[in-house]
Amino acid sequence: MINNLKQGLFILSLLFSIHSHAAELNQSNSNKFPQAVDAAITSGDIDSYANLLSDDASIKIKIILQGRQQAIPYSKKRYIKALKEQLASIENYTYGSSNLMIKVIDDKAFVTADSIESMTVGGRKIVAETQSEATIKSIDGVLLMTEASNELAAMTSR
């Protein structure tokens, strides 16, 4: 149960990373999300990732516990703390994403993506598939994630 939560936290943290200095949000600067995601995943720099979240970001992790889906809300501070703890407990991490879609409506960019990740946790190989959504806004000229939701679609462990 705790491993499912930790895996969900780590997955979301790496999926939606964006940092762009822009006076306003538009489709052109929103399309830079995939490169920023890859950079965040490769570096594993949680402090830099924290700078990409608005101070009042709403973060939800959706996981299955005891056969029921549960959405667990996090504040930015609590979420970043959990990510750092999770990062310290994994090895052999790989990541791939697909079906990335970015749609700009008014002053927000809505991002959806699927990902597949593999990692070793406590000597066990975990493969997780997730479906994620995020909302990005320009705040004081910087693109920041204001909302994020990550749903664990499938997970196997050996």
N, C-alpha and C. Protein backbone atom coordinates (compact mmCIF):
# COMPACT_ATOMS: atom_id res chain seq x y z
N MET A 1 0.82 -1.17 0.00
CA MET A 1 0.00 0.00 0.00
C MET A 1 0.88 1.26 0.00
N ILE A 2 1.86 1.34 0.87
CA ILE A 2 2.75 2.50 0.92
C ILE A 2 3.57 2.58 -0.37
N ASN A 3 4.01 1.42 -0.90
CA ASN A 3 4.79 1.44 -2.14
C ASN A 3 3.97 2.01 -3.28
N ASN A 4 2.65 1.68 -3.35
CA ASN A 4 1.80 2.23 -4.41
C ASN A 4 1.75 3.75 -4.31
N LEU A 5 1.62 4.26 -3.09
CA LEU A 5 1.57 5.70 -2.89
C LEU A 5 2.89 6.34 -3.31
N LYS A 6 3.99 5.78 -2.89
CA LYS A 6 5.29 6.34 -3.22
C LYS A 6 5.52 6.33 -4.73
N GLN A 7 5.13 5.25 -5.39
CA GLN A 7 5.34 5.17 -6.83
C GLN A 7 4.50 6.22 -7.55
N GLY A 8 3.27 6.40 -7.09
CA GLY A 8 2.42 7.41 -7.70
C GLY A 8 2.98 8.81 -7.52
N LEU A 9 3.52 9.09 -6.34
CA LEU A 9 4.12 10.40 -6.09
C LEU A 9 5.29 10.66 -7.01
N PHE A 10 6.15 9.69 -7.15
CA PHE A 10 7.34 9.87 -7.99
C PHE A 10 6.96 10.05 -9.45
N ILE A 11 6.00 9.28 -9.90
CA ILE A 11 5.57 9.35 -11.29
C ILE A 11 5.06 10.73 -11.63
N LEU A 12 4.17 11.25 -10.78
CA LEU A 12 3.63 12.57 -11.06
C LEU A 12 4.69 13.64 -11.05
N SER A 13 5.60 13.54 -10.14
CA SER A 13 6.63 14.58 -10.02
C SER A 13 7.45 14.71 -11.28
N LEU A 14 7.64 13.64 -11.96
CA LEU A 14 8.49 13.68 -13.13
C LEU A 14 7.74 13.93 -14.42
N LEU A 15 6.44 13.69 -14.39
CA LEU A 15 5.70 13.81 -15.63
C LEU A 15 5.50 15.23 -16.11
N PHE A 16 5.15 16.18 -15.22
CA PHE A 16 4.78 17.52 -15.64
C PHE A 16 5.77 18.56 -15.13
N SER A 17 6.90 18.68 -15.78
CA SER A 17 7.88 19.69 -15.42
C SER A 17 7.96 20.69 -16.56
N ILE A 18 7.79 21.96 -16.24
CA ILE A 18 7.89 23.01 -17.26
C ILE A 18 8.39 24.29 -16.61
N HIS A 19 9.28 24.95 -17.29
CA HIS A 19 9.71 26.25 -16.80
C HIS A 19 10.03 27.09 -18.02
N SER A 20 9.30 28.15 -18.19
CA SER A 20 9.50 28.99 -19.36
C SER A 20 9.26 30.43 -18.97
N HIS A 21 10.20 31.29 -19.31
CA HIS A 21 10.01 32.71 -19.03
C HIS A 21 9.22 33.28 -20.19
N ALA A 22 7.99 33.66 -19.89
CA ALA A 22 7.13 34.17 -20.95
C ALA A 22 6.17 35.18 -20.34
N ALA A 23 5.92 36.24 -21.07
CA ALA A 23 5.00 37.25 -20.58
C ALA A 23 3.58 36.71 -20.56
N GLU A 24 3.25 35.86 -21.50
CA GLU A 24 1.92 35.27 -21.54
C GLU A 24 1.99 33.84 -22.04
N LEU A 25 0.98 33.10 -21.71
CA LEU A 25 0.88 31.70 -22.11
C LEU A 25 0.34 31.63 -23.53
N ASN A 26 1.00 30.85 -24.39
CA ASN A 26 0.49 30.63 -25.73
C ASN A 26 0.87 29.21 -26.18
N GLN A 27 0.34 28.80 -27.31
CA GLN A 27 0.60 27.44 -27.78
C GLN A 27 2.08 27.20 -28.05
N SER A 28 2.76 28.21 -28.54
CA SER A 28 4.18 28.05 -28.87
C SER A 28 5.02 27.75 -27.63
N ASN A 29 4.89 28.57 -26.58
CA ASN A 29 5.71 28.29 -25.40
C ASN A 29 5.18 27.10 -24.61
N SER A 30 3.91 26.78 -24.75
CA SER A 30 3.35 25.59 -24.10
C SER A 30 3.90 24.30 -24.71
N ASN A 31 4.24 24.34 -25.97
CA ASN A 31 4.76 23.14 -26.64
C ASN A 31 6.18 22.79 -26.20
N LYS A 32 6.79 23.61 -25.36
CA LYS A 32 8.11 23.30 -24.82
C LYS A 32 8.03 22.32 -23.65
N PHE A 33 6.84 21.95 -23.25
CA PHE A 33 6.67 21.04 -22.12
C PHE A 33 7.44 19.73 -22.27
N PRO A 34 7.37 19.05 -23.40
CA PRO A 34 8.04 17.74 -23.51
C PRO A 34 9.55 17.81 -23.24
N GLN A 35 10.22 18.83 -23.73
CA GLN A 35 11.65 18.94 -23.48
C GLN A 35 11.93 19.18 -21.99
N ALA A 36 11.12 20.00 -21.35
CA ALA A 36 11.30 20.26 -19.91
C ALA A 36 11.02 19.00 -19.10
N VAL A 37 10.04 18.23 -19.52
CA VAL A 37 9.74 16.96 -18.84
C VAL A 37 10.95 16.05 -18.90
N ASP A 38 11.50 15.88 -20.08
CA ASP A 38 12.67 15.01 -20.24
C ASP A 38 13.85 15.49 -19.39
N ALA A 39 14.06 16.79 -19.36
CA ALA A 39 15.18 17.32 -18.57
C ALA A 39 14.97 17.04 -17.08
N ALA A 40 13.77 17.22 -16.59
CA ALA A 40 13.49 16.98 -15.17
C ALA A 40 13.65 15.51 -14.83
N ILE A 41 13.19 14.65 -15.70
CA ILE A 41 13.29 13.22 -15.46
C ILE A 41 14.75 12.78 -15.44
N THR A 42 15.50 13.26 -16.39
CA THR A 42 16.91 12.87 -16.47
C THR A 42 17.71 13.35 -15.27
N SER A 43 17.46 14.58 -14.82
CA SER A 43 18.26 15.15 -13.73
C SER A 43 17.81 14.71 -12.35
N GLY A 44 16.54 14.42 -12.18
CA GLY A 44 16.04 14.06 -10.86
C GLY A 44 16.21 15.18 -9.84
N ASP A 45 16.22 16.42 -10.29
CA ASP A 45 16.44 17.57 -9.43
C ASP A 45 15.10 18.06 -8.88
N ILE A 46 14.74 17.59 -7.70
CA ILE A 46 13.45 17.91 -7.10
C ILE A 46 13.35 19.39 -6.72
N ASP A 47 14.44 20.00 -6.30
CA ASP A 47 14.40 21.43 -5.95
C ASP A 47 14.06 22.27 -7.18
N SER A 48 14.64 21.94 -8.32
CA SER A 48 14.29 22.67 -9.54
C SER A 48 12.84 22.41 -9.92
N TYR A 49 12.40 21.17 -9.73
CA TYR A 49 11.01 20.83 -10.00
C TYR A 49 10.07 21.65 -9.12
N ALA A 50 10.45 21.82 -7.84
CA ALA A 50 9.61 22.60 -6.92
C ALA A 50 9.42 24.02 -7.42
N ASN A 51 10.43 24.57 -8.08
CA ASN A 51 10.33 25.92 -8.63
C ASN A 51 9.33 26.01 -9.78
N LEU A 52 8.91 24.89 -10.30
CA LEU A 52 7.96 24.85 -11.42
C LEU A 52 6.52 24.80 -10.94
N LEU A 53 6.32 24.59 -9.65
CA LEU A 53 4.98 24.52 -9.08
C LEU A 53 4.60 25.86 -8.48
N SER A 54 3.36 26.27 -8.68
CA SER A 54 2.91 27.48 -8.00
C SER A 54 2.86 27.18 -6.50
N ASP A 55 2.98 28.20 -5.69
CA ASP A 55 3.00 28.00 -4.24
C ASP A 55 1.71 27.36 -3.73
N ASP A 56 0.61 27.60 -4.43
CA ASP A 56 -0.67 27.02 -3.99
C ASP A 56 -1.15 25.91 -4.93
N ALA A 57 -0.22 25.21 -5.55
CA ALA A 57 -0.57 24.13 -6.49
C ALA A 57 -1.45 23.09 -5.81
N SER A 58 -2.43 22.61 -6.54
CA SER A 58 -3.31 21.55 -6.09
C SER A 58 -2.86 20.25 -6.76
N ILE A 59 -2.40 19.31 -5.96
CA ILE A 59 -1.84 18.07 -6.49
C ILE A 59 -2.63 16.89 -5.93
N LYS A 60 -3.06 15.99 -6.82
CA LYS A 60 -3.79 14.81 -6.39
C LYS A 60 -3.17 13.57 -7.02
N ILE A 61 -3.00 12.56 -6.21
CA ILE A 61 -2.52 11.27 -6.68
C ILE A 61 -3.68 10.30 -6.56
N LYS A 62 -4.03 9.66 -7.66
CA LYS A 62 -5.13 8.69 -7.65
C LYS A 62 -4.52 7.30 -7.73
N ILE A 63 -4.78 6.51 -6.68
CA ILE A 63 -4.25 5.15 -6.63
C ILE A 63 -5.36 4.20 -6.19
N ILE A 64 -5.11 2.92 -6.39
CA ILE A 64 -6.05 1.90 -5.94
C ILE A 64 -5.51 1.31 -4.65
N LEU A 65 -6.29 1.43 -3.59
CA LEU A 65 -5.95 0.85 -2.30
C LEU A 65 -7.07 -0.08 -1.89
N GLN A 66 -6.74 -1.31 -1.63
CA GLN A 66 -7.72 -2.31 -1.22
C GLN A 66 -8.91 -2.37 -2.17
N GLY A 67 -8.61 -2.31 -3.47
CA GLY A 67 -9.64 -2.45 -4.49
C GLY A 67 -10.46 -1.20 -4.77
N ARG A 68 -10.18 -0.10 -4.08
CA ARG A 68 -10.93 1.13 -4.29
C ARG A 68 -10.00 2.25 -4.73
N GLN A 69 -10.47 3.05 -5.69
CA GLN A 69 -9.66 4.19 -6.11
C GLN A 69 -9.78 5.30 -5.06
N GLN A 70 -8.64 5.87 -4.71
CA GLN A 70 -8.62 6.97 -3.76
C GLN A 70 -7.79 8.10 -4.34
N ALA A 71 -8.25 9.32 -4.13
CA ALA A 71 -7.50 10.50 -4.55
C ALA A 71 -6.90 11.12 -3.29
N ILE A 72 -5.58 11.24 -3.29
CA ILE A 72 -4.88 11.76 -2.13
C ILE A 72 -4.36 13.17 -2.48
N PRO A 73 -4.86 14.20 -1.76
CA PRO A 73 -4.42 15.57 -2.05
C PRO A 73 -3.11 15.90 -1.34
N TYR A 74 -2.31 16.76 -1.97
CA TYR A 74 -1.03 17.21 -1.41
C TYR A 74 -0.88 18.70 -1.57
N SER A 75 -0.29 19.33 -0.57
CA SER A 75 0.18 20.71 -0.70
C SER A 75 1.54 20.64 -1.40
N LYS A 76 2.01 21.74 -1.91
CA LYS A 76 3.31 21.77 -2.57
C LYS A 76 4.41 21.30 -1.61
N LYS A 77 4.42 21.85 -0.41
CA LYS A 77 5.47 21.52 0.56
C LYS A 77 5.48 20.03 0.89
N ARG A 78 4.32 19.49 1.19
CA ARG A 78 4.22 18.06 1.54
C ARG A 78 4.60 17.17 0.35
N TYR A 79 4.17 17.58 -0.82
CA TYR A 79 4.44 16.82 -2.03
C TYR A 79 5.94 16.78 -2.34
N ILE A 80 6.61 17.92 -2.25
CA ILE A 80 8.04 17.97 -2.53
C ILE A 80 8.81 17.13 -1.51
N LYS A 81 8.42 17.20 -0.26
CA LYS A 81 9.06 16.38 0.76
C LYS A 81 8.92 14.89 0.43
N ALA A 82 7.74 14.47 0.05
CA ALA A 82 7.50 13.07 -0.30
C ALA A 82 8.31 12.66 -1.54
N LEU A 83 8.43 13.55 -2.50
CA LEU A 83 9.21 13.24 -3.71
C LEU A 83 10.68 13.01 -3.39
N LYS A 84 11.22 13.85 -2.53
CA LYS A 84 12.63 13.69 -2.15
C LYS A 84 12.85 12.36 -1.44
N GLU A 85 11.94 11.98 -0.56
CA GLU A 85 12.04 10.70 0.12
C GLU A 85 11.95 9.54 -0.87
N GLN A 86 11.03 9.66 -1.82
CA GLN A 86 10.85 8.60 -2.82
C GLN A 86 12.08 8.48 -3.72
N LEU A 87 12.61 9.59 -4.16
CA LEU A 87 13.77 9.57 -5.05
C LEU A 87 14.94 8.84 -4.40
N ALA A 88 15.08 8.99 -3.11
CA ALA A 88 16.18 8.34 -2.39
C ALA A 88 16.01 6.82 -2.31
N SER A 89 14.81 6.32 -2.57
CA SER A 89 14.55 4.89 -2.38
C SER A 89 14.48 4.08 -3.67
N ILE A 90 14.73 4.69 -4.84
CA ILE A 90 14.63 3.95 -6.09
C ILE A 90 15.97 3.84 -6.80
N GLU A 91 16.04 2.84 -7.69
CA GLU A 91 17.22 2.64 -8.55
C GLU A 91 16.73 2.25 -9.94
N ASN A 92 17.64 2.31 -10.91
CA ASN A 92 17.39 1.83 -12.27
C ASN A 92 16.11 2.42 -12.88
N TYR A 93 15.95 3.70 -12.78
CA TYR A 93 14.74 4.36 -13.26
C TYR A 93 14.80 4.61 -14.76
N THR A 94 13.72 4.25 -15.46
CA THR A 94 13.56 4.59 -16.87
C THR A 94 12.16 5.15 -17.07
N TYR A 95 12.02 5.97 -18.10
CA TYR A 95 10.77 6.68 -18.33
C TYR A 95 10.51 6.86 -19.82
N GLY A 96 9.27 6.77 -20.19
CA GLY A 96 8.85 7.09 -21.54
C GLY A 96 7.44 7.64 -21.50
N SER A 97 7.15 8.59 -22.37
CA SER A 97 5.80 9.14 -22.40
C SER A 97 5.23 9.07 -23.80
N SER A 98 3.92 9.12 -23.86
CA SER A 98 3.23 9.08 -25.15
C SER A 98 1.92 9.84 -25.02
N ASN A 99 1.29 10.04 -26.14
CA ASN A 99 -0.02 10.69 -26.18
C ASN A 99 -0.05 12.05 -25.49
N LEU A 100 1.04 12.79 -25.60
CA LEU A 100 1.10 14.12 -25.01
C LEU A 100 0.20 15.06 -25.80
N MET A 101 -0.68 15.74 -25.08
CA MET A 101 -1.56 16.72 -25.71
C MET A 101 -1.54 17.99 -24.87
N ILE A 102 -1.43 19.12 -25.54
CA ILE A 102 -1.42 20.42 -24.88
C ILE A 102 -2.46 21.30 -25.58
N LYS A 103 -3.37 21.82 -24.78
CA LYS A 103 -4.41 22.67 -25.35
C LYS A 103 -4.45 23.96 -24.55
N VAL A 104 -4.28 25.10 -25.21
CA VAL A 104 -4.32 26.39 -24.56
C VAL A 104 -5.71 26.98 -24.74
N ILE A 105 -6.30 27.32 -23.60
CA ILE A 105 -7.61 27.98 -23.60
C ILE A 105 -7.51 29.18 -22.67
N ASP A 106 -7.71 30.35 -23.25
CA ASP A 106 -7.60 31.60 -22.50
C ASP A 106 -6.23 31.69 -21.83
N ASP A 107 -6.18 31.73 -20.50
CA ASP A 107 -4.90 31.93 -19.81
C ASP A 107 -4.35 30.65 -19.20
N LYS A 108 -4.82 29.48 -19.69
CA LYS A 108 -4.36 28.20 -19.13
C LYS A 108 -3.97 27.23 -20.25
N ALA A 109 -3.00 26.39 -19.94
CA ALA A 109 -2.65 25.28 -20.82
C ALA A 109 -3.05 24.00 -20.09
N PHE A 110 -3.79 23.16 -20.77
CA PHE A 110 -4.22 21.88 -20.21
C PHE A 110 -3.38 20.79 -20.86
N VAL A 111 -2.70 20.03 -20.03
CA VAL A 111 -1.76 19.03 -20.52
C VAL A 111 -2.24 17.64 -20.10
N THR A 112 -2.22 16.71 -21.03
CA THR A 112 -2.49 15.30 -20.71
C THR A 112 -1.38 14.46 -21.31
N ALA A 113 -1.07 13.36 -20.66
CA ALA A 113 -0.03 12.45 -21.16
C ALA A 113 -0.18 11.09 -20.51
N ASP A 114 0.32 10.10 -21.19
CA ASP A 114 0.46 8.75 -20.64
C ASP A 114 1.95 8.51 -20.46
N SER A 115 2.29 7.72 -19.47
CA SER A 115 3.70 7.38 -19.30
C SER A 115 3.84 5.95 -18.85
N ILE A 116 5.01 5.42 -19.11
CA ILE A 116 5.37 4.11 -18.59
C ILE A 116 6.75 4.28 -17.96
N GLU A 117 6.85 3.78 -16.74
CA GLU A 117 8.07 3.94 -15.98
C GLU A 117 8.47 2.60 -15.39
N SER A 118 9.76 2.43 -15.24
CA SER A 118 10.31 1.23 -14.63
C SER A 118 11.33 1.67 -13.60
N MET A 119 11.31 1.00 -12.45
CA MET A 119 12.26 1.33 -11.39
C MET A 119 12.43 0.12 -10.48
N THR A 120 13.50 0.12 -9.73
CA THR A 120 13.72 -0.91 -8.73
C THR A 120 13.52 -0.27 -7.36
N VAL A 121 12.63 -0.87 -6.57
CA VAL A 121 12.31 -0.37 -5.24
C VAL A 121 12.48 -1.55 -4.27
N GLY A 122 13.42 -1.43 -3.36
CA GLY A 122 13.63 -2.49 -2.39
C GLY A 122 13.95 -3.83 -3.03
N GLY A 123 14.68 -3.79 -4.14
CA GLY A 123 15.06 -5.02 -4.83
C GLY A 123 14.01 -5.57 -5.78
N ARG A 124 12.84 -4.95 -5.83
CA ARG A 124 11.76 -5.40 -6.72
C ARG A 124 11.62 -4.45 -7.90
N LYS A 125 11.50 -5.01 -9.09
CA LYS A 125 11.29 -4.18 -10.28
C LYS A 125 9.81 -3.83 -10.37
N ILE A 126 9.55 -2.54 -10.51
CA ILE A 126 8.19 -2.02 -10.62
C ILE A 126 8.04 -1.37 -11.99
N VAL A 127 6.95 -1.71 -12.68
CA VAL A 127 6.62 -1.06 -13.94
C VAL A 127 5.23 -0.45 -13.75
N ALA A 128 5.15 0.84 -13.99
CA ALA A 128 3.90 1.56 -13.78
C ALA A 128 3.49 2.31 -15.03
N GLU A 129 2.19 2.27 -15.32
CA GLU A 129 1.61 3.04 -16.41
C GLU A 129 0.68 4.06 -15.77
N THR A 130 0.82 5.30 -16.19
CA THR A 130 0.00 6.36 -15.60
C THR A 130 -0.66 7.21 -16.66
N GLN A 131 -1.74 7.84 -16.25
CA GLN A 131 -2.42 8.84 -17.07
C GLN A 131 -2.44 10.11 -16.23
N SER A 132 -1.95 11.18 -16.78
CA SER A 132 -1.80 12.40 -16.01
C SER A 132 -2.42 13.60 -16.70
N GLU A 133 -2.82 14.55 -15.87
CA GLU A 133 -3.36 15.82 -16.35
C GLU A 133 -2.74 16.94 -15.52
N ALA A 134 -2.51 18.07 -16.14
CA ALA A 134 -1.99 19.22 -15.42
C ALA A 134 -2.53 20.50 -16.05
N THR A 135 -2.58 21.53 -15.23
CA THR A 135 -2.95 22.85 -15.70
C THR A 135 -1.75 23.77 -15.46
N ILE A 136 -1.39 24.50 -16.51
CA ILE A 136 -0.24 25.40 -16.47
C ILE A 136 -0.76 26.83 -16.69
N LYS A 137 -0.25 27.74 -15.89
CA LYS A 137 -0.60 29.16 -16.04
C LYS A 137 0.67 30.00 -16.02
N SER A 138 0.57 31.18 -16.60
CA SER A 138 1.65 32.14 -16.49
C SER A 138 1.38 33.00 -15.26
N ILE A 139 2.32 32.94 -14.30
CA ILE A 139 2.20 33.72 -13.07
C ILE A 139 3.43 34.61 -12.99
N ASP A 140 3.20 35.89 -13.01
CA ASP A 140 4.30 36.87 -13.01
C ASP A 140 5.31 36.59 -14.12
N GLY A 141 4.82 36.18 -15.29
CA GLY A 141 5.68 35.95 -16.44
C GLY A 141 6.39 34.62 -16.46
N VAL A 142 6.07 33.72 -15.55
CA VAL A 142 6.71 32.40 -15.50
C VAL A 142 5.63 31.33 -15.58
N LEU A 143 5.82 30.35 -16.44
CA LEU A 143 4.86 29.25 -16.52
C LEU A 143 5.03 28.33 -15.31
N LEU A 144 3.93 28.08 -14.63
CA LEU A 144 3.94 27.24 -13.44
C LEU A 144 2.76 26.28 -13.46
N MET A 145 2.98 25.12 -12.89
CA MET A 145 1.90 24.15 -12.76
C MET A 145 1.05 24.55 -11.55
N THR A 146 -0.25 24.71 -11.78
CA THR A 146 -1.15 25.11 -10.71
C THR A 146 -2.03 23.96 -10.24
N GLU A 147 -2.24 22.97 -11.10
CA GLU A 147 -3.03 21.79 -10.75
C GLU A 147 -2.41 20.58 -11.43
N ALA A 148 -2.47 19.45 -10.74
CA ALA A 148 -1.99 18.21 -11.34
C ALA A 148 -2.75 17.03 -10.75
N SER A 149 -3.01 16.07 -11.59
CA SER A 149 -3.67 14.84 -11.16
C SER A 149 -3.00 13.69 -11.89
N ASN A 150 -2.66 12.66 -11.16
CA ASN A 150 -1.99 11.51 -11.73
C ASN A 150 -2.74 10.25 -11.32
N GLU A 151 -3.13 9.47 -12.31
CA GLU A 151 -3.86 8.23 -12.04
C GLU A 151 -3.01 7.04 -12.45
N LEU A 152 -2.77 6.18 -11.51
CA LEU A 152 -2.03 4.95 -11.77
C LEU A 152 -2.96 4.01 -12.53
N ALA A 153 -2.68 3.76 -13.81
CA ALA A 153 -3.54 2.95 -14.65
C ALA A 153 -3.23 1.46 -14.52
N ALA A 154 -1.96 1.12 -14.38
CA ALA A 154 -1.55 -0.29 -14.23
C ALA A 154 -0.17 -0.33 -13.59
N MET A 155 0.04 -1.41 -12.82
CA MET A 155 1.34 -1.57 -12.20
C MET A 155 1.62 -3.06 -12.02
N THR A 156 2.86 -3.41 -12.33
CA THR A 156 3.30 -4.78 -12.08
C THR A 156 4.61 -4.71 -11.28
N SER A 157 4.84 -5.76 -10.50
CA SER A 157 6.11 -5.83 -9.78
C SER A 157 6.58 -7.27 -9.79
N ARG A 158 7.92 -7.40 -9.82
CA ARG A 158 8.54 -8.73 -9.81
C ARG A 158 9.65 -8.73 -8.80
